[in-house]
Amino acid sequence: MARRIESFFISGPAGRLEALLEEPEDREAAEAALVCHPHPLHGGTMHNKVVHRLARGLRSAGCAVLRFNFRGVNLSHGEHDGGRGEMDDAAACLEALRARYPSLPLTLAGFSFGSRTVLALAARMGGRAPSRVIAAGFPTVYADVEFVAQCQRPRIFIHSTSDDYGPRRQMQALYDRLWGPKALYWVEAQDHFFTGALEELERLVVEVAAARAFRYP
C-alpha cells in the first residue's frame, strides 16, 4: 500500500498552522502521534533532522504521525510566545489528530523545546492526556522543570550522553525524582542534536513505540 502523505493547515489560536501528516507504508495505522519541533527562535522547524527521525521511527512502529510548525515558523501564522502559545498550538493540533483518528490511542513526542511542550501539555490535560509522552533531548538547563512530575502518563526520555542543554547528571537527577512508569535511554552521541547517532535514536523510537509496557491503558 502507498504511504499517505498530506500537507495542510490546521486552525490554531493565532491563525493557521502548517502541518504534515504521514501514515505507515506497510500497514494500517494502529496509533496516532503528534511530534513537536525544537525552539522556533533557534531555527527549529518540523523538518529538523531529529524530528524527522522521531516521526520516521513512530511510523515504522505503526503510527500515523502529525508534524507541524509552531506559530511564526515558515507558513504558520503568529509570533513566538515564549512557550505559552506554542503549547496552545500543540493542543490545537492534537485535537485535529484526534478528529482524524478518533478510535486510535495517541502519543505525544517532541525534541528539545518540543519535548518541554509535549510534557507540559500532557500535565495540563490531566485525565485527557495521551497514552504516553516521548521526550528526546529534554533541556534540563531551564529552571522550570516541575511540570514534568505533574504529567500523569508514562514518560519515555531519549537523551544524548553529550547534551549541553541537558547535562547527564541533571537529566539523571530529574529522572530519579519521577514516579513511574518511566524510562530513560542514553544514546552515545556527540551533542544535543544526536550527531553521529541518529540511526540509534530512530531504532530506540521504534523500540519504545512498540512497547506496550510504556502505554497508558
C-alpha atoms as a PDB file:
ATOM      1  CA  MET A   1       0.000   0.000   0.000  1.00  0.00           C
ATOM      2  CA  ALA A   2       1.198   3.513  -0.785  1.00  0.00           C
ATOM      3  CA  ARG A   3       2.126   5.688   2.170  1.00  0.00           C
ATOM      4  CA  ARG A   4      -0.273   8.573   2.662  1.00  0.00           C
ATOM      5  CA  ILE A   5       1.410  11.971   2.894  1.00  0.00           C
ATOM      6  CA  GLU A   6      -0.698  15.087   3.245  1.00  0.00           C
ATOM      7  CA  SER A   7       0.279  18.732   3.718  1.00  0.00           C
ATOM      8  CA  PHE A   8      -2.436  21.026   5.032  1.00  0.00           C
ATOM      9  CA  PHE A   9      -3.224  23.772   7.530  1.00  0.00           C
ATOM     10  CA  ILE A  10      -4.761  23.469  10.983  1.00  0.00           C
ATOM     11  CA  SER A  11      -6.711  26.296  12.574  1.00  0.00           C
ATOM     12  CA  GLY A  12      -4.683  27.422  15.594  1.00  0.00           C
ATOM     13  CA  PRO A  13      -5.248  30.045  18.287  1.00  0.00           C
ATOM     14  CA  ALA A  14      -3.025  32.565  16.446  1.00  0.00           C
ATOM     15  CA  GLY A  15      -4.054  31.609  12.913  1.00  0.00           C
ATOM     16  CA  ARG A  16      -3.279  28.749  10.599  1.00  0.00           C
ATOM     17  CA  LEU A  17      -0.574  26.205  11.431  1.00  0.00           C
ATOM     18  CA  GLU A  18       1.383  24.449   8.696  1.00  0.00           C
ATOM     19  CA  ALA A  19       1.118  20.665   9.153  1.00  0.00           C
ATOM     20  CA  LEU A  20       2.305  17.410   7.615  1.00  0.00           C
ATOM     21  CA  LEU A  21       0.533  14.075   8.149  1.00  0.00           C
ATOM     22  CA  GLU A  22       2.205  10.764   7.254  1.00  0.00           C
ATOM     23  CA  GLU A  23       0.845   7.238   7.660  1.00  0.00           C
ATOM     24  CA  PRO A  24       2.815   3.951   7.797  1.00  0.00           C
ATOM     25  CA  GLU A  25       3.971   2.475   4.489  1.00  0.00           C
ATOM     26  CA  ASP A  26       3.174  -1.171   5.160  1.00  0.00           C
ATOM     27  CA  ARG A  27       0.050  -1.305   7.337  1.00  0.00           C
ATOM     28  CA  GLU A  28      -2.982   0.487   8.618  1.00  0.00           C
ATOM     29  CA  ALA A  29      -2.182   2.901  11.419  1.00  0.00           C
ATOM     30  CA  ALA A  30      -2.658   1.385  14.880  1.00  0.00           C
ATOM     31  CA  GLU A  31      -1.837   4.574  16.762  1.00  0.00           C
ATOM     32  CA  ALA A  32      -1.610   8.319  16.128  1.00  0.00           C
ATOM     33  CA  ALA A  33       1.303  10.512  17.206  1.00  0.00           C
ATOM     34  CA  LEU A  34       1.936  14.245  17.361  1.00  0.00           C
ATOM     35  CA  VAL A  35       5.585  15.355  17.094  1.00  0.00           C
ATOM     36  CA  CYS A  36       6.764  18.839  18.160  1.00  0.00           C
ATOM     37  CA  HIS A  37       9.907  20.558  16.909  1.00  0.00           C
ATOM     38  CA  PRO A  38      12.728  22.425  18.723  1.00  0.00           C
ATOM     39  CA  HIS A  39      12.909  26.124  19.568  1.00  0.00           C
ATOM     40  CA  PRO A  40      11.462  28.366  16.828  1.00  0.00           C
ATOM     41  CA  LEU A  41      13.900  31.200  17.592  1.00  0.00           C
ATOM     42  CA  HIS A  42      16.897  28.925  17.057  1.00  0.00           C
ATOM     43  CA  GLY A  43      15.968  27.507  13.672  1.00  0.00           C
ATOM     44  CA  GLY A  44      13.602  24.791  14.854  1.00  0.00           C
ATOM     45  CA  THR A  45      11.053  23.526  12.324  1.00  0.00           C
ATOM     46  CA  MET A  46       9.070  20.345  11.720  1.00  0.00           C
ATOM     47  CA  HIS A  47      11.796  19.339   9.232  1.00  0.00           C
ATOM     48  CA  ASN A  48      14.550  19.291  11.880  1.00  0.00           C
ATOM     49  CA  LYS A  49      16.642  16.120  11.488  1.00  0.00           C
ATOM     50  CA  VAL A  50      15.817  14.794  14.976  1.00  0.00           C
ATOM     51  CA  VAL A  51      12.107  15.491  14.490  1.00  0.00           C
ATOM     52  CA  HIS A  52      12.309  13.694  11.138  1.00  0.00           C
ATOM     53  CA  ARG A  53      13.847  10.642  12.833  1.00  0.00           C
ATOM     54  CA  LEU A  54      11.239  10.689  15.597  1.00  0.00           C
ATOM     55  CA  ALA A  55       8.483  10.779  13.011  1.00  0.00           C
ATOM     56  CA  ARG A  56      10.015   8.034  10.884  1.00  0.00           C
ATOM     57  CA  GLY A  57      10.577   5.782  13.878  1.00  0.00           C
ATOM     58  CA  LEU A  58       6.982   6.249  15.007  1.00  0.00           C
ATOM     59  CA  ARG A  59       5.710   5.454  11.504  1.00  0.00           C
ATOM     60  CA  SER A  60       7.839   2.309  11.427  1.00  0.00           C
ATOM     61  CA  ALA A  61       6.127   1.247  14.658  1.00  0.00           C
ATOM     62  CA  GLY A  62       2.690   1.686  13.076  1.00  0.00           C
ATOM     63  CA  CYS A  63       1.761   5.280  13.924  1.00  0.00           C
ATOM     64  CA  ALA A  64       0.138   7.915  11.788  1.00  0.00           C
ATOM     65  CA  VAL A  65       2.322  10.934  12.537  1.00  0.00           C
ATOM     66  CA  LEU A  66       1.390  14.609  12.501  1.00  0.00           C
ATOM     67  CA  ARG A  67       4.138  17.215  12.490  1.00  0.00           C
ATOM     68  CA  PHE A  68       3.515  20.947  12.389  1.00  0.00           C
ATOM     69  CA  ASN A  69       5.292  24.285  12.578  1.00  0.00           C
ATOM     70  CA  PHE A  70       4.699  26.384  15.679  1.00  0.00           C
ATOM     71  CA  ARG A  71       3.309  29.898  15.265  1.00  0.00           C
ATOM     72  CA  GLY A  72       5.593  32.206  13.307  1.00  0.00           C
ATOM     73  CA  VAL A  73       7.592  29.383  11.688  1.00  0.00           C
ATOM     74  CA  ASN A  74       7.586  29.173   7.875  1.00  0.00           C
ATOM     75  CA  LEU A  75       3.933  29.266   6.750  1.00  0.00           C
ATOM     76  CA  SER A  76       2.393  29.202  10.238  1.00  0.00           C
ATOM     77  CA  HIS A  77       0.751  32.444  11.349  1.00  0.00           C
ATOM     78  CA  GLY A  78       1.505  34.371  14.545  1.00  0.00           C
ATOM     79  CA  GLU A  79       4.623  35.180  16.543  1.00  0.00           C
ATOM     80  CA  HIS A  80       6.682  33.273  19.076  1.00  0.00           C
ATOM     81  CA  ASP A  81       5.060  33.356  22.527  1.00  0.00           C
ATOM     82  CA  GLY A  82       7.730  32.023  24.867  1.00  0.00           C
ATOM     83  CA  GLY A  83       6.200  28.549  25.093  1.00  0.00           C
ATOM     84  CA  ARG A  84       2.718  29.508  26.296  1.00  0.00           C
ATOM     85  CA  GLY A  85       1.110  29.992  22.911  1.00  0.00           C
ATOM     86  CA  GLU A  86       3.150  27.141  21.469  1.00  0.00           C
ATOM     87  CA  MET A  87       1.538  24.760  23.950  1.00  0.00           C
ATOM     88  CA  ASP A  88      -1.842  26.011  22.723  1.00  0.00           C
ATOM     89  CA  ASP A  89      -0.681  25.353  19.150  1.00  0.00           C
ATOM     90  CA  ALA A  90       0.184  21.782  20.092  1.00  0.00           C
ATOM     91  CA  ALA A  91      -3.191  21.345  21.794  1.00  0.00           C
ATOM     92  CA  ALA A  92      -4.998  22.500  18.643  1.00  0.00           C
ATOM     93  CA  CYS A  93      -3.004  20.076  16.517  1.00  0.00           C
ATOM     94  CA  LEU A  94      -3.648  17.249  18.953  1.00  0.00           C
ATOM     95  CA  GLU A  95      -7.392  17.870  18.698  1.00  0.00           C
ATOM     96  CA  ALA A  96      -7.117  17.805  14.902  1.00  0.00           C
ATOM     97  CA  LEU A  97      -5.285  14.490  15.164  1.00  0.00           C
ATOM     98  CA  ARG A  98      -7.985  13.109  17.487  1.00  0.00           C
ATOM     99  CA  ALA A  99     -10.621  14.109  14.943  1.00  0.00           C
ATOM    100  CA  ARG A 100      -8.764  12.274  12.162  1.00  0.00           C
ATOM    101  CA  TYR A 101      -8.264   9.096  14.173  1.00  0.00           C
ATOM    102  CA  PRO A 102     -10.971   9.063  16.856  1.00  0.00           C
ATOM    103  CA  SER A 103     -10.552   5.365  17.693  1.00  0.00           C
ATOM    104  CA  LEU A 104      -6.755   5.220  17.921  1.00  0.00           C
ATOM    105  CA  PRO A 105      -4.568   5.697  21.020  1.00  0.00           C
ATOM    106  CA  LEU A 106      -2.455   8.843  20.942  1.00  0.00           C
ATOM    107  CA  THR A 107       1.208   9.529  21.650  1.00  0.00           C
ATOM    108  CA  LEU A 108       2.875  12.904  22.175  1.00  0.00           C
ATOM    109  CA  ALA A 109       6.531  13.234  21.173  1.00  0.00           C
ATOM    110  CA  GLY A 110       8.965  16.102  20.867  1.00  0.00           C
ATOM    111  CA  PHE A 111      12.576  17.161  20.669  1.00  0.00           C
ATOM    112  CA  SER A 112      14.220  19.797  22.898  1.00  0.00           C
ATOM    113  CA  PHE A 113      11.781  22.753  23.164  1.00  0.00           C
ATOM    114  CA  GLY A 114       9.237  20.371  21.644  1.00  0.00           C
ATOM    115  CA  SER A 115       9.804  17.862  24.441  1.00  0.00           C
ATOM    116  CA  ARG A 116       9.092  20.560  27.037  1.00  0.00           C
ATOM    117  CA  THR A 117       5.957  21.492  25.134  1.00  0.00           C
ATOM    118  CA  VAL A 118       4.509  17.980  24.984  1.00  0.00           C
ATOM    119  CA  LEU A 119       5.280  17.205  28.631  1.00  0.00           C
ATOM    120  CA  ALA A 120       3.735  20.494  29.766  1.00  0.00           C
ATOM    121  CA  LEU A 121       0.690  19.874  27.589  1.00  0.00           C
ATOM    122  CA  ALA A 122       0.217  16.344  28.930  1.00  0.00           C
ATOM    123  CA  ALA A 123       0.497  17.665  32.503  1.00  0.00           C
ATOM    124  CA  ARG A 124      -2.115  20.336  31.785  1.00  0.00           C
ATOM    125  CA  MET A 125      -4.533  17.842  30.216  1.00  0.00           C
ATOM    126  CA  GLY A 126      -4.740  15.540  33.232  1.00  0.00           C
ATOM    127  CA  GLY A 127      -7.046  12.593  32.538  1.00  0.00           C
ATOM    128  CA  ARG A 128      -7.473  13.577  28.877  1.00  0.00           C
ATOM    129  CA  ALA A 129      -3.752  13.270  28.235  1.00  0.00           C
ATOM    130  CA  PRO A 130      -2.484  10.906  25.512  1.00  0.00           C
ATOM    131  CA  SER A 131      -1.321   7.381  26.237  1.00  0.00           C
ATOM    132  CA  ARG A 132       2.344   8.337  26.674  1.00  0.00           C
ATOM    133  CA  VAL A 133       4.940  11.014  26.053  1.00  0.00           C
ATOM    134  CA  ILE A 134       8.287  10.509  24.297  1.00  0.00           C
ATOM    135  CA  ALA A 135      10.764  13.289  25.106  1.00  0.00           C
ATOM    136  CA  ALA A 136      14.027  13.446  23.145  1.00  0.00           C
ATOM    137  CA  GLY A 137      16.736  15.836  24.300  1.00  0.00           C
ATOM    138  CA  PHE A 138      14.757  17.322  27.176  1.00  0.00           C
ATOM    139  CA  PRO A 139      16.540  20.598  28.129  1.00  0.00           C
ATOM    140  CA  THR A 140      17.138  20.481  31.871  1.00  0.00           C
ATOM    141  CA  VAL A 141      19.027  23.798  31.898  1.00  0.00           C
ATOM    142  CA  TYR A 142      15.779  25.742  32.245  1.00  0.00           C
ATOM    143  CA  ALA A 143      14.777  26.400  35.850  1.00  0.00           C
ATOM    144  CA  ASP A 144      11.150  25.341  35.444  1.00  0.00           C
ATOM    145  CA  VAL A 145      11.011  21.549  35.180  1.00  0.00           C
ATOM    146  CA  GLU A 146       8.484  20.744  37.909  1.00  0.00           C
ATOM    147  CA  PHE A 147       5.684  20.251  35.385  1.00  0.00           C
ATOM    148  CA  VAL A 148       7.406  17.027  34.302  1.00  0.00           C
ATOM    149  CA  ALA A 149       6.423  15.441  37.623  1.00  0.00           C
ATOM    150  CA  GLN A 150       2.804  16.524  37.092  1.00  0.00           C
ATOM    151  CA  CYS A 151       2.386  14.502  33.907  1.00  0.00           C
ATOM    152  CA  GLN A 152       0.080  11.566  34.651  1.00  0.00           C
ATOM    153  CA  ARG A 153       1.166   9.431  31.717  1.00  0.00           C
ATOM    154  CA  PRO A 154       4.228   7.228  31.061  1.00  0.00           C
ATOM    155  CA  ARG A 155       7.247   9.329  30.117  1.00  0.00           C
ATOM    156  CA  ILE A 156       9.999   7.969  27.918  1.00  0.00           C
ATOM    157  CA  PHE A 157      13.185  10.051  27.750  1.00  0.00           C
ATOM    158  CA  ILE A 158      15.768   9.554  24.999  1.00  0.00           C
ATOM    159  CA  HIS A 159      18.877  11.571  25.744  1.00  0.00           C
ATOM    160  CA  SER A 160      22.345  12.183  24.341  1.00  0.00           C
ATOM    161  CA  THR A 161      25.293  11.428  26.609  1.00  0.00           C
ATOM    162  CA  SER A 162      26.844  14.744  25.466  1.00  0.00           C
ATOM    163  CA  ASP A 163      23.903  17.130  25.701  1.00  0.00           C
ATOM    164  CA  ASP A 164      24.875  20.708  26.600  1.00  0.00           C
ATOM    165  CA  TYR A 165      21.233  21.622  27.196  1.00  0.00           C
ATOM    166  CA  GLY A 166      20.572  18.597  29.361  1.00  0.00           C
ATOM    167  CA  PRO A 167      23.802  17.538  31.096  1.00  0.00           C
ATOM    168  CA  ARG A 168      23.801  13.887  32.040  1.00  0.00           C
ATOM    169  CA  ARG A 169      23.925  14.473  35.790  1.00  0.00           C
ATOM    170  CA  GLN A 170      20.974  16.898  35.662  1.00  0.00           C
ATOM    171  CA  MET A 171      18.911  14.612  33.446  1.00  0.00           C
ATOM    172  CA  GLN A 172      19.550  11.595  35.645  1.00  0.00           C
ATOM    173  CA  ALA A 173      18.667  13.564  38.796  1.00  0.00           C
ATOM    174  CA  LEU A 174      15.394  14.762  37.266  1.00  0.00           C
ATOM    175  CA  TYR A 175      14.510  11.268  36.112  1.00  0.00           C
ATOM    176  CA  ASP A 176      15.265   9.739  39.510  1.00  0.00           C
ATOM    177  CA  ARG A 177      12.724  12.079  41.160  1.00  0.00           C
ATOM    178  CA  LEU A 178       9.859  10.979  38.932  1.00  0.00           C
ATOM    179  CA  TRP A 179       7.220   8.364  39.708  1.00  0.00           C
ATOM    180  CA  GLY A 180       6.766   5.512  37.228  1.00  0.00           C
ATOM    181  CA  PRO A 181       6.039   4.203  34.727  1.00  0.00           C
ATOM    182  CA  LYS A 182       9.016   5.832  33.110  1.00  0.00           C
ATOM    183  CA  ALA A 183      12.080   5.000  31.067  1.00  0.00           C
ATOM    184  CA  LEU A 184      15.367   6.723  30.256  1.00  0.00           C
ATOM    185  CA  TYR A 185      17.515   5.677  27.300  1.00  0.00           C
ATOM    186  CA  TRP A 186      21.029   7.075  26.851  1.00  0.00           C
ATOM    187  CA  VAL A 187      22.417   7.448  23.330  1.00  0.00           C
ATOM    188  CA  GLU A 188      26.163   7.789  22.745  1.00  0.00           C
ATOM    189  CA  ALA A 189      26.052  10.938  20.622  1.00  0.00           C
ATOM    190  CA  GLN A 190      28.250  13.971  20.034  1.00  0.00           C
ATOM    191  CA  ASP A 191      25.825  16.684  21.107  1.00  0.00           C
ATOM    192  CA  HIS A 192      22.255  17.773  21.857  1.00  0.00           C
ATOM    193  CA  PHE A 193      21.246  17.030  18.251  1.00  0.00           C
ATOM    194  CA  PHE A 194      22.269  13.354  18.441  1.00  0.00           C
ATOM    195  CA  THR A 195      25.033  13.946  15.900  1.00  0.00           C
ATOM    196  CA  GLY A 196      26.622  10.646  14.914  1.00  0.00           C
ATOM    197  CA  ALA A 197      23.804   8.618  16.443  1.00  0.00           C
ATOM    198  CA  LEU A 198      20.619   9.426  14.525  1.00  0.00           C
ATOM    199  CA  GLU A 199      20.245   5.798  13.448  1.00  0.00           C
ATOM    200  CA  GLU A 200      20.394   4.678  17.082  1.00  0.00           C
ATOM    201  CA  LEU A 201      17.875   7.347  18.039  1.00  0.00           C
ATOM    202  CA  GLU A 202      15.442   6.133  15.392  1.00  0.00           C
ATOM    203  CA  ARG A 203      15.946   2.493  16.428  1.00  0.00           C
ATOM    204  CA  LEU A 204      15.101   3.377  20.030  1.00  0.00           C
ATOM    205  CA  VAL A 205      11.980   5.247  18.945  1.00  0.00           C
ATOM    206  CA  VAL A 206      10.762   2.157  17.101  1.00  0.00           C
ATOM    207  CA  GLU A 207      11.527   0.021  20.147  1.00  0.00           C
ATOM    208  CA  VAL A 208       9.779   2.193  22.717  1.00  0.00           C
ATOM    209  CA  ALA A 209       6.816   2.939  20.442  1.00  0.00           C
ATOM    210  CA  ALA A 210       6.169  -0.793  20.109  1.00  0.00           C
ATOM    211  CA  ALA A 211       6.454  -1.464  23.870  1.00  0.00           C
ATOM    212  CA  ARG A 212       3.013  -1.717  25.462  1.00  0.00           C
ATOM    213  CA  ALA A 213       4.631  -1.511  28.908  1.00  0.00           C
ATOM    214  CA  PHE A 214       5.006   2.244  28.419  1.00  0.00           C
ATOM    215  CA  ARG A 215       1.495   2.979  27.202  1.00  0.00           C
ATOM    216  CA  TYR A 216      -1.389   4.069  29.391  1.00  0.00           C
ATOM    217  CA  PRO A 217      -4.305   1.593  29.026  1.00  0.00           C
END
